Structures are given as C-alpha cells and as structure tokens.
Amino acid sequence: MVSLWPALARVEPTCSWPPQWDAWTTSGQYLYLRYRSGRGSVTAYPSPDWEAWDPTTAPLIQWDDDTDDTDIELADFLDAAGLRLRLPITWRTRMERLLRRLVRRCEVHDAPSYPRIRDLEHALGYPPSEAAPDLVAALSDPDIIDCGHRWCPRRR
C-alpha cells in the first residue's frame, strides 16, 4: 500500500491495553493513534499534552475492522491506517553493526546464496533443493563481491 501521509519518525506506546500510541511524522506533526473495539483512528493534535487538545478535532484517518477486537499490533495498526515508519537506524541496527565488526562477520559475505546452499547440501549429503529462479541468483556468489569493509577477512 502506498501511503500519502509522511512517514512516521517516532512511535511510542502510551498504553498497552487498549492500544494507543503517540507518534510524530518526519515533518514533526504529532499524531495520536488509538484502537478501541475494532475501530482505529489517527488524530493530529499540536502536542502530546492531552489537556491542550481540542475535543472537536476530527480524526484524519479512521476505520472499523468489524471485529470488536481490543488488541492490535502496531504493524497491523499502521497497515490498516495506511501509515508507515521511516526506516530508522535503531540501537539494534547499531548493535548488530558493532557485533558484526567485532567478530569480523560481514553482512555481504554472510548472506545466503544458491551456490553456497548447493555446496553445503552436497557436503552434508542432502538432496539438492529447488533450482534458483533465475540465472543471476544461480550464479551470485558473495565470496566474489567486494563488500568495502576494511575489517572483513573475505574482502577482495
């Protein structure tokens, strides 16, 4: 689904049940995300300070999924609302990069490939799996790619 709304830069849960979140778009607009009894809504307010909210403000987005559910995951909520998260570099991504560098395991050279899988199946005595969907996938070998990491032991 293509979203016409700006990406969300940040989303913070404010209540686990019933689900609701504070969210900010990449342009800084605050949004209140709420889900109750199968109904979701996204309302723009000036700030997360609910005491300053105008009670007559209509939601920008609202829907009813006809379930009367009281729980929804954030990913499902965003999908139903037509919203998307900006792809952030989170602490998990930074930690993964640091760990990869410490153990000298590059994401390019650790990637699965048809040639590697074929060689591993042969070495372990397994029957060969399905053929690659195209010639490029069949011949792609991470070992011949220069990943650009000076610390990578497989760099060419």
N, C-alpha and C. Protein backbone atom coordinates (compact mmCIF):
# COMPACT_ATOMS: atom_id res chain seq x y z
N MET A 1 0.84 -1.18 0.00
CA MET A 1 0.00 0.00 0.00
C MET A 1 0.89 1.24 0.00
N VAL A 2 0.63 2.17 -0.87
CA VAL A 2 1.37 3.41 -0.94
C VAL A 2 0.69 4.42 -0.02
N SER A 3 1.47 5.02 0.86
CA SER A 3 0.92 5.96 1.81
C SER A 3 1.06 7.39 1.28
N LEU A 4 0.00 8.17 1.44
CA LEU A 4 0.04 9.57 1.06
C LEU A 4 0.51 10.43 2.23
N TRP A 5 0.57 9.84 3.42
CA TRP A 5 0.99 10.55 4.61
C TRP A 5 2.50 10.49 4.72
N PRO A 6 3.11 11.49 5.37
CA PRO A 6 4.55 11.41 5.59
C PRO A 6 4.87 10.22 6.50
N ALA A 7 6.05 9.73 6.39
CA ALA A 7 6.47 8.60 7.23
C ALA A 7 6.51 9.03 8.69
N LEU A 8 6.32 8.07 9.57
CA LEU A 8 6.40 8.34 11.00
C LEU A 8 7.85 8.22 11.43
N ALA A 9 8.35 9.26 12.08
CA ALA A 9 9.73 9.26 12.54
C ALA A 9 9.86 8.55 13.88
N ARG A 10 8.80 8.62 14.70
CA ARG A 10 8.86 8.04 16.03
C ARG A 10 7.47 7.62 16.48
N VAL A 11 7.37 6.47 17.12
CA VAL A 11 6.11 5.99 17.69
C VAL A 11 6.41 5.45 19.08
N GLU A 12 5.65 5.92 20.07
CA GLU A 12 5.84 5.47 21.44
C GLU A 12 4.52 4.97 22.00
N PRO A 13 4.51 3.78 22.60
CA PRO A 13 3.27 3.30 23.21
C PRO A 13 2.95 4.13 24.45
N THR A 14 1.68 4.50 24.60
CA THR A 14 1.27 5.23 25.79
C THR A 14 0.40 4.37 26.68
N CYS A 15 -0.14 3.29 26.12
CA CYS A 15 -0.99 2.38 26.86
C CYS A 15 -0.96 1.04 26.14
N SER A 16 -0.76 -0.05 26.89
CA SER A 16 -0.71 -1.35 26.23
C SER A 16 -2.10 -1.91 25.98
N TRP A 17 -3.03 -1.61 26.88
CA TRP A 17 -4.40 -2.06 26.66
C TRP A 17 -5.36 -1.04 27.20
N PRO A 18 -6.26 -0.55 26.44
CA PRO A 18 -6.36 -0.73 24.99
C PRO A 18 -5.22 0.00 24.29
N PRO A 19 -4.83 -0.49 23.12
CA PRO A 19 -3.64 0.05 22.46
C PRO A 19 -3.80 1.50 22.01
N GLN A 20 -2.78 2.29 22.32
CA GLN A 20 -2.71 3.65 21.81
C GLN A 20 -1.24 4.08 21.81
N TRP A 21 -0.91 4.97 20.89
CA TRP A 21 0.46 5.41 20.71
C TRP A 21 0.52 6.91 20.45
N ASP A 22 1.63 7.52 20.86
CA ASP A 22 1.99 8.87 20.43
C ASP A 22 2.93 8.69 19.25
N ALA A 23 2.72 9.47 18.20
CA ALA A 23 3.56 9.34 17.01
C ALA A 23 3.88 10.72 16.47
N TRP A 24 5.03 10.84 15.83
CA TRP A 24 5.44 12.07 15.19
C TRP A 24 5.85 11.76 13.76
N THR A 25 5.39 12.57 12.83
CA THR A 25 5.78 12.39 11.44
C THR A 25 7.19 12.93 11.24
N THR A 26 7.76 12.66 10.08
CA THR A 26 9.10 13.17 9.79
C THR A 26 9.11 14.69 9.70
N SER A 27 7.94 15.29 9.48
CA SER A 27 7.86 16.76 9.45
C SER A 27 7.56 17.35 10.82
N GLY A 28 7.43 16.50 11.87
CA GLY A 28 7.25 16.98 13.23
C GLY A 28 5.81 17.03 13.72
N GLN A 29 4.85 16.66 12.90
CA GLN A 29 3.44 16.69 13.31
C GLN A 29 3.16 15.58 14.31
N TYR A 30 2.55 15.93 15.44
CA TYR A 30 2.17 14.93 16.43
C TYR A 30 0.86 14.26 16.03
N LEU A 31 0.79 12.94 16.18
CA LEU A 31 -0.41 12.17 15.89
C LEU A 31 -0.74 11.27 17.07
N TYR A 32 -2.01 11.17 17.38
CA TYR A 32 -2.50 10.28 18.43
C TYR A 32 -3.12 9.08 17.73
N LEU A 33 -2.56 7.88 17.96
CA LEU A 33 -3.04 6.65 17.34
C LEU A 33 -3.82 5.87 18.40
N ARG A 34 -5.02 5.47 18.05
CA ARG A 34 -5.88 4.81 19.04
C ARG A 34 -6.66 3.67 18.40
N TYR A 35 -6.83 2.58 19.17
CA TYR A 35 -7.60 1.42 18.71
C TYR A 35 -8.51 0.96 19.84
N ARG A 36 -9.82 0.93 19.56
CA ARG A 36 -10.81 0.51 20.55
C ARG A 36 -11.91 -0.29 19.86
N SER A 37 -12.21 -1.47 20.35
CA SER A 37 -13.35 -2.27 19.88
C SER A 37 -13.40 -2.41 18.36
N GLY A 38 -12.25 -2.69 17.76
CA GLY A 38 -12.20 -2.88 16.32
C GLY A 38 -12.17 -1.61 15.51
N ARG A 39 -12.07 -0.47 16.18
CA ARG A 39 -12.05 0.82 15.48
C ARG A 39 -10.71 1.52 15.73
N GLY A 40 -10.10 1.94 14.64
CA GLY A 40 -8.84 2.65 14.74
C GLY A 40 -9.00 4.09 14.30
N SER A 41 -8.19 4.96 14.90
CA SER A 41 -8.23 6.37 14.49
C SER A 41 -6.85 6.99 14.64
N VAL A 42 -6.60 7.96 13.78
CA VAL A 42 -5.37 8.75 13.81
C VAL A 42 -5.80 10.21 13.83
N THR A 43 -5.43 10.91 14.89
CA THR A 43 -5.85 12.31 15.05
C THR A 43 -4.62 13.17 15.24
N ALA A 44 -4.58 14.31 14.55
CA ALA A 44 -3.47 15.25 14.69
C ALA A 44 -3.80 16.28 15.77
N TYR A 45 -2.90 16.45 16.69
CA TYR A 45 -3.01 17.46 17.73
C TYR A 45 -1.71 18.24 17.76
N PRO A 46 -1.71 19.42 18.41
CA PRO A 46 -0.48 20.21 18.45
C PRO A 46 0.66 19.56 19.23
N SER A 47 0.30 18.75 20.26
CA SER A 47 1.32 18.13 21.10
C SER A 47 0.71 16.94 21.83
N PRO A 48 1.55 16.15 22.53
CA PRO A 48 1.02 15.02 23.30
C PRO A 48 0.28 15.45 24.57
N ASP A 49 0.31 16.73 24.90
CA ASP A 49 -0.36 17.23 26.10
C ASP A 49 -1.87 17.20 25.89
N TRP A 50 -2.52 16.13 26.39
CA TRP A 50 -3.95 15.92 26.13
C TRP A 50 -4.82 17.02 26.73
N GLU A 51 -4.33 17.74 27.73
CA GLU A 51 -5.12 18.82 28.32
C GLU A 51 -5.29 19.99 27.36
N ALA A 52 -4.39 20.09 26.38
CA ALA A 52 -4.46 21.18 25.40
C ALA A 52 -5.22 20.79 24.14
N TRP A 53 -5.71 19.57 24.06
CA TRP A 53 -6.38 19.10 22.85
C TRP A 53 -7.77 19.71 22.72
N ASP A 54 -8.14 20.00 21.50
CA ASP A 54 -9.50 20.47 21.19
C ASP A 54 -10.37 19.23 21.01
N PRO A 55 -11.39 19.03 21.85
CA PRO A 55 -12.22 17.82 21.76
C PRO A 55 -13.04 17.73 20.48
N THR A 56 -13.14 18.81 19.73
CA THR A 56 -13.92 18.77 18.49
C THR A 56 -13.07 18.39 17.28
N THR A 57 -11.77 18.15 17.50
CA THR A 57 -10.89 17.78 16.39
C THR A 57 -11.29 16.40 15.85
N ALA A 58 -11.55 16.36 14.56
CA ALA A 58 -11.95 15.09 13.92
C ALA A 58 -10.70 14.29 13.54
N PRO A 59 -10.77 12.96 13.60
CA PRO A 59 -9.63 12.14 13.18
C PRO A 59 -9.31 12.35 11.70
N LEU A 60 -8.02 12.29 11.38
CA LEU A 60 -7.58 12.36 9.98
C LEU A 60 -7.89 11.05 9.27
N ILE A 61 -7.73 9.96 10.01
CA ILE A 61 -7.95 8.61 9.47
C ILE A 61 -8.75 7.84 10.51
N GLN A 62 -9.76 7.11 10.06
CA GLN A 62 -10.44 6.20 10.97
C GLN A 62 -11.02 5.05 10.18
N TRP A 63 -11.13 3.90 10.82
CA TRP A 63 -11.66 2.72 10.17
C TRP A 63 -12.27 1.80 11.23
N ASP A 64 -13.08 0.89 10.75
CA ASP A 64 -13.71 -0.13 11.59
C ASP A 64 -13.44 -1.46 10.92
N ASP A 65 -12.77 -2.37 11.63
CA ASP A 65 -12.44 -3.66 11.02
C ASP A 65 -13.49 -4.74 11.31
N ASP A 66 -14.63 -4.32 11.88
CA ASP A 66 -15.77 -5.22 12.14
C ASP A 66 -15.40 -6.44 12.98
N THR A 67 -14.47 -6.27 13.93
CA THR A 67 -14.07 -7.41 14.75
C THR A 67 -14.42 -7.24 16.22
N ASP A 68 -14.61 -6.03 16.68
CA ASP A 68 -14.78 -5.72 18.10
C ASP A 68 -13.56 -6.13 18.92
N ASP A 69 -12.40 -6.32 18.25
CA ASP A 69 -11.17 -6.66 18.96
C ASP A 69 -10.75 -5.50 19.85
N THR A 70 -10.01 -5.84 20.89
CA THR A 70 -9.49 -4.82 21.79
C THR A 70 -7.97 -4.76 21.74
N ASP A 71 -7.35 -5.55 20.86
CA ASP A 71 -5.89 -5.58 20.80
C ASP A 71 -5.45 -5.60 19.34
N ILE A 72 -4.35 -4.90 19.07
CA ILE A 72 -3.78 -4.86 17.72
C ILE A 72 -2.30 -4.56 17.85
N GLU A 73 -1.50 -5.17 17.02
CA GLU A 73 -0.07 -4.87 16.98
C GLU A 73 0.14 -3.57 16.22
N LEU A 74 1.21 -2.86 16.55
CA LEU A 74 1.49 -1.59 15.90
C LEU A 74 1.60 -1.76 14.38
N ALA A 75 2.28 -2.80 13.92
CA ALA A 75 2.45 -3.01 12.47
C ALA A 75 1.09 -3.17 11.79
N ASP A 76 0.17 -3.90 12.41
CA ASP A 76 -1.16 -4.08 11.83
C ASP A 76 -1.95 -2.77 11.85
N PHE A 77 -1.80 -2.00 12.92
CA PHE A 77 -2.47 -0.70 13.01
C PHE A 77 -1.99 0.22 11.89
N LEU A 78 -0.67 0.31 11.72
CA LEU A 78 -0.12 1.19 10.69
C LEU A 78 -0.56 0.76 9.30
N ASP A 79 -0.60 -0.54 9.08
CA ASP A 79 -1.05 -1.07 7.79
C ASP A 79 -2.50 -0.69 7.52
N ALA A 80 -3.36 -0.87 8.52
CA ALA A 80 -4.78 -0.53 8.36
C ALA A 80 -4.99 0.97 8.16
N ALA A 81 -4.13 1.78 8.79
CA ALA A 81 -4.25 3.23 8.68
C ALA A 81 -3.57 3.78 7.43
N GLY A 82 -2.79 2.95 6.76
CA GLY A 82 -2.06 3.43 5.58
C GLY A 82 -0.85 4.27 5.95
N LEU A 83 -0.32 4.04 7.14
CA LEU A 83 0.87 4.77 7.60
C LEU A 83 2.07 3.85 7.53
N ARG A 84 3.26 4.45 7.56
CA ARG A 84 4.48 3.65 7.54
C ARG A 84 5.53 4.31 8.42
N LEU A 85 6.40 3.50 8.94
CA LEU A 85 7.51 4.00 9.73
C LEU A 85 8.68 4.33 8.82
N ARG A 86 9.37 5.40 9.13
CA ARG A 86 10.63 5.68 8.45
C ARG A 86 11.59 4.59 8.87
N LEU A 87 12.48 4.19 8.00
CA LEU A 87 13.44 3.15 8.34
C LEU A 87 14.56 3.78 9.16
N PRO A 88 14.47 3.69 10.48
CA PRO A 88 15.48 4.34 11.31
C PRO A 88 16.70 3.45 11.52
N ILE A 89 17.80 4.07 11.86
CA ILE A 89 18.95 3.31 12.33
C ILE A 89 18.76 3.25 13.83
N THR A 90 18.29 2.15 14.32
CA THR A 90 17.96 1.99 15.72
C THR A 90 19.17 1.48 16.49
N TRP A 91 19.03 1.41 17.80
CA TRP A 91 20.11 0.87 18.62
C TRP A 91 20.38 -0.58 18.23
N ARG A 92 19.33 -1.32 17.83
CA ARG A 92 19.52 -2.72 17.45
C ARG A 92 20.38 -2.80 16.19
N THR A 93 20.12 -1.93 15.21
CA THR A 93 20.92 -1.91 13.99
C THR A 93 22.36 -1.53 14.30
N ARG A 94 22.54 -0.54 15.15
CA ARG A 94 23.90 -0.13 15.53
C ARG A 94 24.62 -1.24 16.27
N MET A 95 23.89 -1.91 17.17
CA MET A 95 24.49 -3.00 17.93
C MET A 95 24.88 -4.15 17.00
N GLU A 96 24.00 -4.45 16.04
CA GLU A 96 24.31 -5.51 15.08
C GLU A 96 25.56 -5.16 14.28
N ARG A 97 25.67 -3.91 13.85
CA ARG A 97 26.87 -3.49 13.10
C ARG A 97 28.12 -3.66 13.95
N LEU A 98 28.03 -3.23 15.21
CA LEU A 98 29.18 -3.34 16.11
C LEU A 98 29.56 -4.80 16.33
N LEU A 99 28.58 -5.66 16.59
CA LEU A 99 28.87 -7.07 16.81
C LEU A 99 29.47 -7.71 15.56
N ARG A 100 28.94 -7.38 14.38
CA ARG A 100 29.49 -7.93 13.14
C ARG A 100 30.95 -7.52 12.98
N ARG A 101 31.24 -6.26 13.34
CA ARG A 101 32.61 -5.80 13.20
C ARG A 101 33.54 -6.47 14.21
N LEU A 102 33.05 -6.67 15.43
CA LEU A 102 33.87 -7.31 16.46
C LEU A 102 34.24 -8.74 16.08
N VAL A 103 33.27 -9.49 15.53
CA VAL A 103 33.55 -10.87 15.17
C VAL A 103 34.01 -10.99 13.72
N ARG A 104 34.13 -9.86 13.05
CA ARG A 104 34.60 -9.79 11.66
C ARG A 104 33.74 -10.65 10.74
N ARG A 105 32.41 -10.48 10.86
CA ARG A 105 31.45 -11.19 10.01
C ARG A 105 30.66 -10.13 9.25
N CYS A 106 30.86 -10.08 7.98
CA CYS A 106 30.27 -9.07 7.12
C CYS A 106 28.87 -9.50 6.64
N GLU A 107 27.92 -8.56 6.60
CA GLU A 107 26.56 -8.88 6.14
C GLU A 107 26.52 -9.28 4.67
N VAL A 108 27.46 -8.81 3.88
CA VAL A 108 27.51 -9.20 2.47
C VAL A 108 27.96 -10.65 2.34
N HIS A 109 29.02 -11.00 3.05
CA HIS A 109 29.57 -12.33 2.93
C HIS A 109 28.83 -13.38 3.75
N ASP A 110 27.98 -12.97 4.68
CA ASP A 110 27.15 -13.91 5.44
C ASP A 110 25.81 -14.18 4.75
N ALA A 111 25.54 -13.48 3.68
CA ALA A 111 24.24 -13.62 3.01
C ALA A 111 24.12 -15.01 2.37
N PRO A 112 22.93 -15.62 2.48
CA PRO A 112 22.74 -16.92 1.82
C PRO A 112 22.74 -16.75 0.30
N SER A 113 23.24 -17.73 -0.39
CA SER A 113 23.24 -17.69 -1.85
C SER A 113 23.04 -19.12 -2.36
N TYR A 114 22.55 -19.23 -3.57
CA TYR A 114 22.33 -20.56 -4.15
C TYR A 114 23.62 -21.37 -4.27
N PRO A 115 24.73 -20.76 -4.70
CA PRO A 115 25.97 -21.56 -4.76
C PRO A 115 26.40 -22.08 -3.38
N ARG A 116 26.27 -21.27 -2.35
CA ARG A 116 26.65 -21.71 -1.01
C ARG A 116 25.72 -22.80 -0.50
N ILE A 117 24.44 -22.62 -0.71
CA ILE A 117 23.47 -23.62 -0.27
C ILE A 117 23.71 -24.94 -1.00
N ARG A 118 23.96 -24.86 -2.30
CA ARG A 118 24.24 -26.07 -3.09
C ARG A 118 25.47 -26.79 -2.55
N ASP A 119 26.55 -26.04 -2.27
CA ASP A 119 27.78 -26.65 -1.75
C ASP A 119 27.56 -27.26 -0.37
N LEU A 120 26.80 -26.59 0.47
CA LEU A 120 26.52 -27.10 1.80
C LEU A 120 25.68 -28.37 1.75
N GLU A 121 24.66 -28.37 0.89
CA GLU A 121 23.82 -29.57 0.73
C GLU A 121 24.67 -30.75 0.25
N HIS A 122 25.56 -30.49 -0.70
CA HIS A 122 26.44 -31.54 -1.22
C HIS A 122 27.36 -32.08 -0.11
N ALA A 123 27.95 -31.15 0.67
CA ALA A 123 28.88 -31.56 1.73
C ALA A 123 28.18 -32.36 2.82
N LEU A 124 26.92 -32.04 3.09
CA LEU A 124 26.18 -32.73 4.14
C LEU A 124 25.42 -33.96 3.63
N GLY A 125 25.45 -34.18 2.33
CA GLY A 125 24.77 -35.32 1.75
C GLY A 125 23.28 -35.16 1.61
N TYR A 126 22.78 -33.92 1.61
CA TYR A 126 21.36 -33.68 1.41
C TYR A 126 21.03 -33.65 -0.08
N PRO A 127 19.80 -34.00 -0.44
CA PRO A 127 19.42 -33.86 -1.85
C PRO A 127 19.36 -32.38 -2.21
N PRO A 128 19.66 -32.07 -3.45
CA PRO A 128 19.67 -30.66 -3.85
C PRO A 128 18.27 -30.05 -3.75
N SER A 129 18.22 -28.79 -3.33
CA SER A 129 16.94 -28.08 -3.24
C SER A 129 16.56 -27.55 -4.61
N GLU A 130 15.45 -26.82 -4.66
CA GLU A 130 14.96 -26.28 -5.93
C GLU A 130 16.01 -25.42 -6.61
N ALA A 131 15.92 -25.37 -7.90
CA ALA A 131 16.84 -24.54 -8.68
C ALA A 131 16.55 -23.06 -8.42
N ALA A 132 17.55 -22.26 -8.64
CA ALA A 132 17.39 -20.81 -8.49
C ALA A 132 16.36 -20.30 -9.49
N PRO A 133 15.61 -19.24 -9.13
CA PRO A 133 14.57 -18.73 -10.01
C PRO A 133 15.10 -18.08 -11.28
N ASP A 134 16.34 -17.63 -11.26
CA ASP A 134 16.90 -17.02 -12.47
C ASP A 134 18.41 -17.21 -12.50
N LEU A 135 19.02 -16.89 -13.61
CA LEU A 135 20.45 -17.10 -13.80
C LEU A 135 21.29 -16.27 -12.84
N VAL A 136 20.87 -15.04 -12.58
CA VAL A 136 21.64 -14.17 -11.68
C VAL A 136 21.68 -14.77 -10.28
N ALA A 137 20.54 -15.23 -9.77
CA ALA A 137 20.51 -15.84 -8.44
C ALA A 137 21.33 -17.13 -8.42
N ALA A 138 21.30 -17.89 -9.51
CA ALA A 138 22.03 -19.15 -9.58
C ALA A 138 23.54 -18.94 -9.53
N LEU A 139 24.00 -17.84 -10.07
CA LEU A 139 25.44 -17.60 -10.16
C LEU A 139 25.97 -16.61 -9.13
N SER A 140 25.09 -15.95 -8.38
CA SER A 140 25.56 -14.93 -7.43
C SER A 140 26.31 -15.60 -6.28
N ASP A 141 27.51 -15.14 -6.06
CA ASP A 141 28.36 -15.70 -5.02
C ASP A 141 28.94 -14.56 -4.20
N PRO A 142 28.54 -14.43 -2.93
CA PRO A 142 29.04 -13.34 -2.10
C PRO A 142 30.55 -13.33 -1.94
N ASP A 143 31.19 -14.48 -2.13
CA ASP A 143 32.64 -14.53 -1.95
C ASP A 143 33.39 -13.72 -3.01
N ILE A 144 32.78 -13.41 -4.14
CA ILE A 144 33.48 -12.65 -5.17
C ILE A 144 33.09 -11.17 -5.16
N ILE A 145 32.31 -10.77 -4.15
CA ILE A 145 31.87 -9.38 -4.04
C ILE A 145 32.78 -8.63 -3.09
N ASP A 146 33.19 -7.45 -3.49
CA ASP A 146 33.97 -6.60 -2.59
C ASP A 146 32.98 -5.81 -1.74
N CYS A 147 32.90 -6.13 -0.45
CA CYS A 147 31.93 -5.50 0.44
C CYS A 147 32.34 -4.09 0.83
N GLY A 148 33.60 -3.75 0.73
CA GLY A 148 34.06 -2.41 1.07
C GLY A 148 34.48 -2.24 2.52
N HIS A 149 34.29 -3.27 3.35
CA HIS A 149 34.69 -3.19 4.76
C HIS A 149 36.16 -3.55 4.89
N ARG A 150 36.97 -2.61 5.39
CA ARG A 150 38.40 -2.89 5.54
C ARG A 150 38.65 -4.01 6.54
N TRP A 151 37.75 -4.18 7.50
CA TRP A 151 37.93 -5.18 8.54
C TRP A 151 37.47 -6.57 8.14
N CYS A 152 36.83 -6.72 6.99
CA CYS A 152 36.29 -8.01 6.58
C CYS A 152 37.41 -8.92 6.05
N PRO A 153 37.54 -10.13 6.64
CA PRO A 153 38.61 -11.02 6.18
C PRO A 153 38.40 -11.57 4.78
N ARG A 154 37.19 -11.51 4.23
CA ARG A 154 36.91 -12.04 2.90
C ARG A 154 36.98 -10.95 1.82
N ARG A 155 37.29 -9.73 2.22
CA ARG A 155 37.31 -8.64 1.23
C ARG A 155 38.37 -8.90 0.19
N ARG A 156 38.04 -8.61 -1.05
CA ARG A 156 38.98 -8.81 -2.16
C ARG A 156 39.81 -7.58 -2.38
